[in-house]
Amino acid sequence: MKLAGGSTGGIPMTIAATKVDGMVLSLTPFSHSYNYRSAVLFGYGTIVTDEEEKWWAMKLVTNSVVPGRWEYTRTPDNGELASTSILRVRIVSGSGKIRDGGPNDDKKDLNRDDIAGKTWTGVVPVWQTVGEAVPARTNRVSDVPEHVQAFQKEENGTNEKYAVEAAKAIRPNPKAS
């Protein structure tokens, strides 16, 4: 792979992620929003060539999908290792933003009974759900491993709790002042 081979500083990279935690429903469509968490990182990527670091990174990535998963799988062979590239990213800068809480309705709308008295406002929490494990056709193990079951239960509980708490967060409403 010739990705970052010729550059000493690496190739410029941007990494972005957003997670939606709720749909914010206001008195007017113009004020609808989302509760979310987002981050953008800027940096430079280089290919990891040290074999020990590559193994460490592969284990870290595998266990970030399902905690403890690396220990329950076959170790990658030399062909798999050779066909996989791992990037090390040197972060130069970044930014993050969180939006939580309820609607920010305009004072003019909040004071109107014909609007505020008939329009439901609030947050519909949104969270990612990990479903029940479905065995592969080639699976020979009768029970879903405990580490997979624990991951599913913990992930669902954590995601739901965060989304509901974000919906209930109290935020100032500068429009209503």
N, C-alpha and C. Protein backbone atom coordinates (compact mmCIF):
# COMPACT_ATOMS: atom_id res chain seq x y z
N MET A 1 0.86 -1.18 0.00
CA MET A 1 0.00 0.00 0.00
C MET A 1 0.89 1.23 0.00
N LYS A 2 0.66 2.15 -0.90
CA LYS A 2 1.50 3.34 -1.06
C LYS A 2 0.88 4.56 -0.38
N LEU A 3 -0.04 4.35 0.51
CA LEU A 3 -0.83 5.41 1.10
C LEU A 3 -0.01 6.57 1.66
N ALA A 4 0.89 6.30 2.57
CA ALA A 4 1.64 7.38 3.20
C ALA A 4 3.13 7.11 3.13
N GLY A 5 3.53 6.25 2.22
CA GLY A 5 4.91 5.81 2.17
C GLY A 5 5.92 6.91 1.92
N GLY A 6 5.64 7.86 1.01
CA GLY A 6 6.63 8.86 0.65
C GLY A 6 6.66 10.08 1.52
N SER A 7 5.73 10.23 2.41
CA SER A 7 5.63 11.45 3.21
C SER A 7 6.10 11.18 4.63
N THR A 8 6.95 12.06 5.15
CA THR A 8 7.42 11.89 6.53
C THR A 8 6.38 12.33 7.54
N GLY A 9 5.53 13.29 7.18
CA GLY A 9 4.51 13.77 8.11
C GLY A 9 3.22 13.01 8.01
N GLY A 10 3.07 12.20 6.99
CA GLY A 10 1.84 11.44 6.80
C GLY A 10 0.89 12.17 5.87
N ILE A 11 -0.23 11.53 5.61
CA ILE A 11 -1.24 12.14 4.75
C ILE A 11 -2.25 12.88 5.60
N PRO A 12 -2.70 14.05 5.14
CA PRO A 12 -3.71 14.80 5.91
C PRO A 12 -4.99 13.98 6.02
N MET A 13 -5.57 13.97 7.21
CA MET A 13 -6.80 13.20 7.45
C MET A 13 -7.79 14.01 8.27
N THR A 14 -9.05 13.75 7.99
CA THR A 14 -10.14 14.28 8.80
C THR A 14 -10.98 13.08 9.23
N ILE A 15 -11.26 12.99 10.51
CA ILE A 15 -12.08 11.92 11.05
C ILE A 15 -13.27 12.57 11.74
N ALA A 16 -14.47 12.17 11.34
CA ALA A 16 -15.68 12.78 11.90
C ALA A 16 -16.63 11.69 12.38
N ALA A 17 -17.34 11.98 13.45
CA ALA A 17 -18.34 11.05 13.98
C ALA A 17 -19.48 11.84 14.61
N THR A 18 -20.69 11.35 14.41
CA THR A 18 -21.88 11.96 15.02
C THR A 18 -22.78 10.85 15.51
N LYS A 19 -23.37 11.05 16.66
CA LYS A 19 -24.33 10.11 17.21
C LYS A 19 -25.59 10.90 17.57
N VAL A 20 -26.72 10.51 17.02
CA VAL A 20 -27.99 11.17 17.30
C VAL A 20 -28.60 10.55 18.55
N ASP A 21 -29.02 11.42 19.49
CA ASP A 21 -29.60 10.96 20.75
C ASP A 21 -31.08 11.29 20.90
N GLY A 22 -31.62 12.09 20.00
CA GLY A 22 -33.04 12.41 20.11
C GLY A 22 -33.51 13.36 19.03
N MET A 23 -34.81 13.29 18.75
CA MET A 23 -35.45 14.24 17.83
C MET A 23 -36.20 15.26 18.68
N VAL A 24 -35.86 16.53 18.51
CA VAL A 24 -36.43 17.60 19.32
C VAL A 24 -37.58 18.21 18.52
N LEU A 25 -38.79 18.08 19.07
CA LEU A 25 -39.99 18.57 18.39
C LEU A 25 -40.46 19.85 19.07
N SER A 26 -40.50 20.92 18.30
CA SER A 26 -40.84 22.25 18.82
C SER A 26 -42.22 22.68 18.37
N LEU A 27 -42.58 23.91 18.74
CA LEU A 27 -43.88 24.45 18.34
C LEU A 27 -43.95 24.71 16.84
N THR A 28 -42.82 25.00 16.23
CA THR A 28 -42.80 25.25 14.79
C THR A 28 -41.73 24.36 14.14
N PRO A 29 -41.97 23.92 12.91
CA PRO A 29 -40.98 23.09 12.22
C PRO A 29 -39.62 23.77 12.12
N PHE A 30 -39.60 25.08 12.04
CA PHE A 30 -38.34 25.82 11.93
C PHE A 30 -37.45 25.60 13.14
N SER A 31 -38.05 25.34 14.29
CA SER A 31 -37.28 25.17 15.52
C SER A 31 -37.01 23.72 15.89
N HIS A 32 -37.48 22.77 15.07
CA HIS A 32 -37.16 21.37 15.35
C HIS A 32 -35.64 21.19 15.30
N SER A 33 -35.15 20.19 16.03
CA SER A 33 -33.71 19.97 16.07
C SER A 33 -33.44 18.52 16.43
N TYR A 34 -32.19 18.23 16.70
CA TYR A 34 -31.75 16.92 17.16
C TYR A 34 -30.86 17.09 18.37
N ASN A 35 -30.94 16.15 19.30
CA ASN A 35 -29.92 16.03 20.34
C ASN A 35 -28.85 15.12 19.75
N TYR A 36 -27.58 15.51 19.92
CA TYR A 36 -26.51 14.75 19.29
C TYR A 36 -25.19 14.99 20.00
N ARG A 37 -24.23 14.14 19.67
CA ARG A 37 -22.83 14.31 20.07
C ARG A 37 -22.02 14.19 18.80
N SER A 38 -21.10 15.12 18.58
CA SER A 38 -20.29 15.04 17.37
C SER A 38 -18.86 15.49 17.66
N ALA A 39 -17.95 14.97 16.85
CA ALA A 39 -16.55 15.34 16.98
C ALA A 39 -15.90 15.28 15.60
N VAL A 40 -14.95 16.17 15.38
CA VAL A 40 -14.14 16.18 14.16
C VAL A 40 -12.69 16.30 14.60
N LEU A 41 -11.85 15.41 14.08
CA LEU A 41 -10.42 15.43 14.38
C LEU A 41 -9.65 15.67 13.09
N PHE A 42 -8.58 16.45 13.18
CA PHE A 42 -7.71 16.72 12.05
C PHE A 42 -6.31 16.24 12.40
N GLY A 43 -5.66 15.58 11.47
CA GLY A 43 -4.32 15.10 11.76
C GLY A 43 -3.66 14.52 10.53
N TYR A 44 -2.65 13.69 10.79
CA TYR A 44 -1.86 13.09 9.72
C TYR A 44 -1.72 11.60 9.99
N GLY A 45 -1.99 10.79 8.97
CA GLY A 45 -1.93 9.35 9.10
C GLY A 45 -0.68 8.76 8.49
N THR A 46 -0.12 7.79 9.18
CA THR A 46 1.01 7.02 8.65
C THR A 46 0.72 5.54 8.87
N ILE A 47 1.27 4.71 7.99
CA ILE A 47 1.06 3.28 8.11
C ILE A 47 1.94 2.72 9.22
N VAL A 48 1.34 1.88 10.05
CA VAL A 48 2.08 1.21 11.12
C VAL A 48 2.88 0.07 10.49
N THR A 49 4.18 0.09 10.67
CA THR A 49 5.04 -0.97 10.12
C THR A 49 5.58 -1.90 11.20
N ASP A 50 5.61 -1.45 12.44
CA ASP A 50 6.08 -2.28 13.54
C ASP A 50 5.06 -3.39 13.80
N GLU A 51 5.50 -4.64 13.72
CA GLU A 51 4.58 -5.77 13.84
C GLU A 51 3.91 -5.84 15.21
N GLU A 52 4.65 -5.55 16.27
CA GLU A 52 4.07 -5.59 17.62
C GLU A 52 2.97 -4.52 17.77
N GLU A 53 3.21 -3.33 17.24
CA GLU A 53 2.21 -2.27 17.30
C GLU A 53 0.99 -2.63 16.46
N LYS A 54 1.22 -3.28 15.31
CA LYS A 54 0.12 -3.69 14.44
C LYS A 54 -0.77 -4.71 15.15
N TRP A 55 -0.15 -5.70 15.84
CA TRP A 55 -0.92 -6.68 16.59
C TRP A 55 -1.72 -6.00 17.70
N TRP A 56 -1.09 -5.08 18.40
CA TRP A 56 -1.76 -4.34 19.48
C TRP A 56 -2.98 -3.60 18.93
N ALA A 57 -2.79 -2.92 17.78
CA ALA A 57 -3.89 -2.14 17.20
C ALA A 57 -5.03 -3.06 16.73
N MET A 58 -4.69 -4.18 16.13
CA MET A 58 -5.74 -5.11 15.67
C MET A 58 -6.55 -5.64 16.86
N LYS A 59 -5.86 -5.94 17.95
CA LYS A 59 -6.56 -6.41 19.15
C LYS A 59 -7.46 -5.29 19.70
N LEU A 60 -6.95 -4.09 19.74
CA LEU A 60 -7.71 -2.95 20.24
C LEU A 60 -8.97 -2.71 19.41
N VAL A 61 -8.83 -2.75 18.08
CA VAL A 61 -9.99 -2.55 17.20
C VAL A 61 -11.01 -3.67 17.40
N THR A 62 -10.54 -4.91 17.44
CA THR A 62 -11.44 -6.06 17.62
C THR A 62 -12.21 -5.94 18.92
N ASN A 63 -11.52 -5.61 20.00
CA ASN A 63 -12.17 -5.51 21.30
C ASN A 63 -13.04 -4.25 21.44
N SER A 64 -12.86 -3.28 20.55
CA SER A 64 -13.74 -2.11 20.59
C SER A 64 -15.09 -2.41 19.94
N VAL A 65 -15.15 -3.46 19.14
CA VAL A 65 -16.42 -3.88 18.54
C VAL A 65 -17.25 -4.64 19.58
N VAL A 66 -16.67 -5.68 20.16
CA VAL A 66 -17.28 -6.42 21.27
C VAL A 66 -16.16 -6.66 22.29
N PRO A 67 -16.29 -6.07 23.48
CA PRO A 67 -15.23 -6.22 24.48
C PRO A 67 -14.87 -7.69 24.72
N GLY A 68 -13.57 -7.97 24.74
CA GLY A 68 -13.08 -9.32 25.00
C GLY A 68 -13.12 -10.26 23.81
N ARG A 69 -13.56 -9.79 22.67
CA ARG A 69 -13.76 -10.67 21.51
C ARG A 69 -12.46 -11.31 21.02
N TRP A 70 -11.35 -10.57 21.08
CA TRP A 70 -10.07 -11.07 20.57
C TRP A 70 -9.72 -12.42 21.22
N GLU A 71 -9.98 -12.54 22.52
CA GLU A 71 -9.61 -13.74 23.26
C GLU A 71 -10.43 -14.97 22.84
N TYR A 72 -11.56 -14.77 22.17
CA TYR A 72 -12.44 -15.88 21.79
C TYR A 72 -12.34 -16.23 20.31
N THR A 73 -11.36 -15.66 19.62
CA THR A 73 -11.23 -15.91 18.18
C THR A 73 -9.86 -16.47 17.85
N ARG A 74 -9.72 -16.99 16.65
CA ARG A 74 -8.43 -17.47 16.17
C ARG A 74 -7.54 -16.27 15.90
N THR A 75 -6.28 -16.38 16.27
CA THR A 75 -5.31 -15.31 15.99
C THR A 75 -5.13 -15.19 14.48
N PRO A 76 -5.13 -13.98 13.93
CA PRO A 76 -4.93 -13.83 12.49
C PRO A 76 -3.61 -14.49 12.06
N ASP A 77 -3.62 -15.09 10.85
CA ASP A 77 -2.40 -15.72 10.36
C ASP A 77 -1.55 -14.70 9.61
N ASN A 78 -0.36 -15.12 9.17
CA ASN A 78 0.57 -14.20 8.52
C ASN A 78 -0.01 -13.57 7.25
N GLY A 79 -0.80 -14.33 6.50
CA GLY A 79 -1.42 -13.79 5.28
C GLY A 79 -2.43 -12.69 5.61
N GLU A 80 -3.21 -12.91 6.65
CA GLU A 80 -4.18 -11.90 7.08
C GLU A 80 -3.47 -10.66 7.60
N LEU A 81 -2.41 -10.87 8.36
CA LEU A 81 -1.63 -9.75 8.88
C LEU A 81 -1.01 -8.94 7.73
N ALA A 82 -0.47 -9.64 6.74
CA ALA A 82 0.17 -8.97 5.61
C ALA A 82 -0.83 -8.20 4.75
N SER A 83 -2.08 -8.66 4.70
CA SER A 83 -3.07 -7.99 3.85
C SER A 83 -3.81 -6.87 4.56
N THR A 84 -3.46 -6.62 5.82
CA THR A 84 -4.14 -5.59 6.60
C THR A 84 -3.19 -4.43 6.88
N SER A 85 -3.65 -3.23 6.57
CA SER A 85 -2.88 -2.02 6.90
C SER A 85 -3.54 -1.32 8.08
N ILE A 86 -2.73 -0.84 8.98
CA ILE A 86 -3.21 -0.10 10.15
C ILE A 86 -2.64 1.31 10.03
N LEU A 87 -3.48 2.30 10.21
CA LEU A 87 -3.02 3.69 10.19
C LEU A 87 -2.88 4.22 11.61
N ARG A 88 -1.79 4.89 11.87
CA ARG A 88 -1.60 5.64 13.11
C ARG A 88 -1.89 7.09 12.75
N VAL A 89 -2.77 7.72 13.50
CA VAL A 89 -3.13 9.10 13.22
C VAL A 89 -2.60 10.00 14.33
N ARG A 90 -1.80 10.98 13.91
CA ARG A 90 -1.30 12.00 14.84
C ARG A 90 -2.31 13.15 14.79
N ILE A 91 -3.04 13.34 15.88
CA ILE A 91 -4.09 14.36 15.94
C ILE A 91 -3.44 15.73 16.16
N VAL A 92 -3.80 16.67 15.30
CA VAL A 92 -3.28 18.04 15.40
C VAL A 92 -4.30 18.95 16.08
N SER A 93 -5.56 18.77 15.72
CA SER A 93 -6.61 19.58 16.34
C SER A 93 -7.93 18.85 16.21
N GLY A 94 -8.91 19.38 16.89
CA GLY A 94 -10.23 18.78 16.82
C GLY A 94 -11.25 19.66 17.50
N SER A 95 -12.50 19.30 17.29
CA SER A 95 -13.57 20.02 17.97
C SER A 95 -14.72 19.05 18.21
N GLY A 96 -15.51 19.38 19.20
CA GLY A 96 -16.66 18.56 19.53
C GLY A 96 -17.84 19.44 19.89
N LYS A 97 -19.03 18.88 19.71
CA LYS A 97 -20.23 19.63 20.04
C LYS A 97 -21.29 18.66 20.54
N ILE A 98 -22.00 19.08 21.57
CA ILE A 98 -23.10 18.29 22.12
C ILE A 98 -24.34 19.18 22.16
N ARG A 99 -25.45 18.65 21.72
CA ARG A 99 -26.73 19.34 21.85
C ARG A 99 -27.61 18.40 22.66
N ASP A 100 -28.13 18.86 23.79
CA ASP A 100 -29.06 18.05 24.56
C ASP A 100 -30.17 18.95 25.08
N GLY A 101 -31.15 18.35 25.70
CA GLY A 101 -32.27 19.12 26.25
C GLY A 101 -33.44 19.20 25.29
N GLY A 102 -34.41 20.03 25.69
CA GLY A 102 -35.65 20.14 24.94
C GLY A 102 -35.62 21.26 23.91
N PRO A 103 -36.82 21.61 23.43
CA PRO A 103 -36.94 22.63 22.38
C PRO A 103 -36.55 24.02 22.87
N ASN A 104 -36.18 24.85 21.92
CA ASN A 104 -35.92 26.28 22.15
C ASN A 104 -36.96 27.07 21.36
N ASP A 105 -38.13 27.16 21.91
CA ASP A 105 -39.21 27.86 21.20
C ASP A 105 -39.13 29.35 21.43
N ASP A 106 -39.60 30.10 20.44
CA ASP A 106 -39.63 31.57 20.54
C ASP A 106 -40.68 31.99 21.56
N LYS A 107 -40.38 33.07 22.27
CA LYS A 107 -41.29 33.61 23.27
C LYS A 107 -42.64 33.94 22.64
N LYS A 108 -42.62 34.47 21.41
CA LYS A 108 -43.88 34.84 20.75
C LYS A 108 -44.79 33.62 20.56
N ASP A 109 -44.20 32.43 20.36
CA ASP A 109 -44.99 31.21 20.20
C ASP A 109 -45.41 30.63 21.55
N LEU A 110 -44.52 30.72 22.54
CA LEU A 110 -44.83 30.20 23.87
C LEU A 110 -46.01 30.94 24.50
N ASN A 111 -46.17 32.21 24.16
CA ASN A 111 -47.23 33.04 24.72
C ASN A 111 -48.56 32.92 23.98
N ARG A 112 -48.60 32.15 22.92
CA ARG A 112 -49.82 32.00 22.13
C ARG A 112 -50.50 30.67 22.47
N ASP A 113 -51.66 30.77 23.13
CA ASP A 113 -52.41 29.56 23.50
C ASP A 113 -52.88 28.78 22.27
N ASP A 114 -53.14 29.47 21.16
CA ASP A 114 -53.61 28.77 19.97
C ASP A 114 -52.52 27.87 19.37
N ILE A 115 -51.26 28.14 19.71
CA ILE A 115 -50.16 27.28 19.24
C ILE A 115 -49.70 26.38 20.38
N ALA A 116 -49.30 26.97 21.51
CA ALA A 116 -48.75 26.20 22.63
C ALA A 116 -49.80 25.28 23.25
N GLY A 117 -51.08 25.63 23.15
CA GLY A 117 -52.15 24.83 23.74
C GLY A 117 -52.54 23.62 22.91
N LYS A 118 -52.08 23.53 21.66
CA LYS A 118 -52.49 22.40 20.83
C LYS A 118 -51.32 21.62 20.21
N THR A 119 -50.11 22.09 20.42
CA THR A 119 -48.95 21.45 19.80
C THR A 119 -48.07 20.79 20.85
N TRP A 120 -47.92 19.48 20.74
CA TRP A 120 -47.05 18.77 21.68
C TRP A 120 -45.60 19.10 21.35
N THR A 121 -44.82 19.37 22.39
CA THR A 121 -43.39 19.62 22.22
C THR A 121 -42.62 18.70 23.16
N GLY A 122 -41.40 18.40 22.79
CA GLY A 122 -40.57 17.55 23.64
C GLY A 122 -39.51 16.85 22.81
N VAL A 123 -38.99 15.78 23.37
CA VAL A 123 -37.92 15.04 22.72
C VAL A 123 -38.32 13.58 22.59
N VAL A 124 -38.10 13.03 21.42
CA VAL A 124 -38.25 11.59 21.20
C VAL A 124 -36.83 11.01 21.26
N PRO A 125 -36.49 10.33 22.37
CA PRO A 125 -35.13 9.80 22.48
C PRO A 125 -34.83 8.77 21.37
N VAL A 126 -33.61 8.79 20.90
CA VAL A 126 -33.15 7.85 19.88
C VAL A 126 -31.89 7.18 20.40
N TRP A 127 -31.85 5.86 20.32
CA TRP A 127 -30.62 5.18 20.71
C TRP A 127 -30.43 3.95 19.85
N GLN A 128 -29.17 3.60 19.67
CA GLN A 128 -28.81 2.41 18.92
C GLN A 128 -29.07 1.19 19.78
N THR A 129 -29.69 0.18 19.18
CA THR A 129 -29.99 -1.06 19.89
C THR A 129 -29.21 -2.20 19.26
N VAL A 130 -28.58 -3.00 20.10
CA VAL A 130 -27.90 -4.20 19.64
C VAL A 130 -28.90 -5.34 19.80
N GLY A 131 -29.20 -6.01 18.68
CA GLY A 131 -30.20 -7.08 18.70
C GLY A 131 -29.68 -8.37 19.29
N GLU A 132 -30.59 -9.33 19.40
CA GLU A 132 -30.24 -10.67 19.88
C GLU A 132 -29.31 -11.33 18.86
N ALA A 133 -28.31 -12.04 19.36
CA ALA A 133 -27.35 -12.71 18.49
C ALA A 133 -28.04 -13.80 17.67
N VAL A 134 -27.69 -13.88 16.38
CA VAL A 134 -28.23 -14.88 15.46
C VAL A 134 -27.06 -15.76 15.03
N PRO A 135 -27.12 -17.05 15.32
CA PRO A 135 -25.99 -17.91 14.97
C PRO A 135 -25.82 -18.05 13.46
N ALA A 136 -24.57 -18.18 13.05
CA ALA A 136 -24.26 -18.42 11.63
C ALA A 136 -24.70 -19.84 11.26
N ARG A 137 -24.93 -20.07 9.96
CA ARG A 137 -25.30 -21.42 9.52
C ARG A 137 -24.22 -22.43 9.87
N THR A 138 -22.96 -21.97 9.90
CA THR A 138 -21.84 -22.86 10.18
C THR A 138 -21.49 -22.94 11.66
N ASN A 139 -22.23 -22.22 12.51
CA ASN A 139 -21.95 -22.21 13.96
C ASN A 139 -22.15 -23.59 14.55
N ARG A 140 -21.22 -24.02 15.42
CA ARG A 140 -21.32 -25.32 16.09
C ARG A 140 -21.44 -25.17 17.61
N VAL A 141 -21.46 -23.94 18.09
CA VAL A 141 -21.55 -23.69 19.53
C VAL A 141 -23.02 -23.45 19.88
N SER A 142 -23.53 -24.22 20.84
CA SER A 142 -24.97 -24.18 21.11
C SER A 142 -25.44 -22.88 21.77
N ASP A 143 -24.65 -22.34 22.68
CA ASP A 143 -25.08 -21.15 23.41
C ASP A 143 -24.28 -19.92 22.98
N VAL A 144 -24.96 -18.78 22.98
CA VAL A 144 -24.28 -17.51 22.71
C VAL A 144 -23.33 -17.26 23.87
N PRO A 145 -22.05 -16.96 23.59
CA PRO A 145 -21.09 -16.74 24.67
C PRO A 145 -21.50 -15.61 25.61
N GLU A 146 -21.13 -15.76 26.86
CA GLU A 146 -21.47 -14.76 27.89
C GLU A 146 -20.96 -13.38 27.52
N HIS A 147 -19.75 -13.27 26.94
CA HIS A 147 -19.21 -11.94 26.62
C HIS A 147 -20.05 -11.25 25.54
N VAL A 148 -20.67 -12.02 24.64
CA VAL A 148 -21.54 -11.43 23.61
C VAL A 148 -22.86 -11.00 24.25
N GLN A 149 -23.43 -11.84 25.11
CA GLN A 149 -24.67 -11.49 25.80
C GLN A 149 -24.48 -10.26 26.69
N ALA A 150 -23.37 -10.22 27.41
CA ALA A 150 -23.10 -9.08 28.30
C ALA A 150 -22.93 -7.80 27.49
N PHE A 151 -22.25 -7.88 26.36
CA PHE A 151 -22.08 -6.72 25.49
C PHE A 151 -23.44 -6.19 25.04
N GLN A 152 -24.31 -7.07 24.58
CA GLN A 152 -25.63 -6.65 24.10
C GLN A 152 -26.42 -5.95 25.20
N LYS A 153 -26.44 -6.55 26.37
CA LYS A 153 -27.21 -5.98 27.49
C LYS A 153 -26.63 -4.63 27.93
N GLU A 154 -25.31 -4.57 28.09
CA GLU A 154 -24.67 -3.33 28.55
C GLU A 154 -24.79 -2.21 27.52
N GLU A 155 -24.57 -2.54 26.26
CA GLU A 155 -24.63 -1.53 25.19
C GLU A 155 -26.03 -0.93 25.10
N ASN A 156 -27.05 -1.78 25.13
CA ASN A 156 -28.43 -1.29 25.05
C ASN A 156 -28.79 -0.44 26.25
N GLY A 157 -28.40 -0.86 27.44
CA GLY A 157 -28.70 -0.08 28.64
C GLY A 157 -28.00 1.26 28.64
N THR A 158 -26.74 1.27 28.27
CA THR A 158 -25.96 2.52 28.23
C THR A 158 -26.53 3.49 27.20
N ASN A 159 -26.84 2.99 26.01
CA ASN A 159 -27.36 3.86 24.94
C ASN A 159 -28.72 4.45 25.29
N GLU A 160 -29.60 3.63 25.84
CA GLU A 160 -30.92 4.12 26.23
C GLU A 160 -30.81 5.16 27.34
N LYS A 161 -30.01 4.87 28.35
CA LYS A 161 -29.86 5.79 29.49
C LYS A 161 -29.35 7.15 29.02
N TYR A 162 -28.34 7.15 28.16
CA TYR A 162 -27.78 8.42 27.69
C TYR A 162 -28.83 9.22 26.91
N ALA A 163 -29.55 8.57 26.01
CA ALA A 163 -30.53 9.27 25.18
C ALA A 163 -31.65 9.88 26.03
N VAL A 164 -32.13 9.14 27.02
CA VAL A 164 -33.20 9.64 27.88
C VAL A 164 -32.70 10.79 28.74
N GLU A 165 -31.48 10.66 29.29
CA GLU A 165 -30.92 11.76 30.09
C GLU A 165 -30.69 13.01 29.24
N ALA A 166 -30.27 12.84 28.00
CA ALA A 166 -30.07 13.99 27.11
C ALA A 166 -31.41 14.68 26.83
N ALA A 167 -32.47 13.90 26.72
CA ALA A 167 -33.80 14.47 26.48
C ALA A 167 -34.28 15.28 27.67
N LYS A 168 -33.91 14.88 28.88
CA LYS A 168 -34.36 15.54 30.10
C LYS A 168 -33.47 16.68 30.55
N ALA A 169 -32.32 16.85 29.88
CA ALA A 169 -31.37 17.90 30.30
C ALA A 169 -32.03 19.27 30.23
N ILE A 170 -31.75 20.09 31.21
CA ILE A 170 -32.28 21.45 31.26
C ILE A 170 -31.30 22.36 30.53
N ARG A 171 -31.82 23.07 29.58
CA ARG A 171 -30.97 24.01 28.84
C ARG A 171 -31.63 25.38 28.84
N PRO A 172 -30.84 26.42 28.87
CA PRO A 172 -31.42 27.76 28.82
C PRO A 172 -32.09 27.99 27.47
N ASN A 173 -33.16 28.74 27.48
CA ASN A 173 -33.85 29.07 26.24
C ASN A 173 -33.71 30.56 25.98
N PRO A 174 -32.66 30.96 25.24
CA PRO A 174 -32.45 32.39 25.01
C PRO A 174 -33.57 33.03 24.22
N LYS A 175 -34.31 32.25 23.45
CA LYS A 175 -35.42 32.82 22.66
C LYS A 175 -36.61 33.20 23.52
N ALA A 176 -36.74 32.51 24.67
CA ALA A 176 -37.91 32.74 25.52
C ALA A 176 -37.70 33.89 26.50
N SER A 177 -36.55 34.50 26.53
CA SER A 177 -36.29 35.58 27.48
C SER A 177 -36.92 36.88 27.06
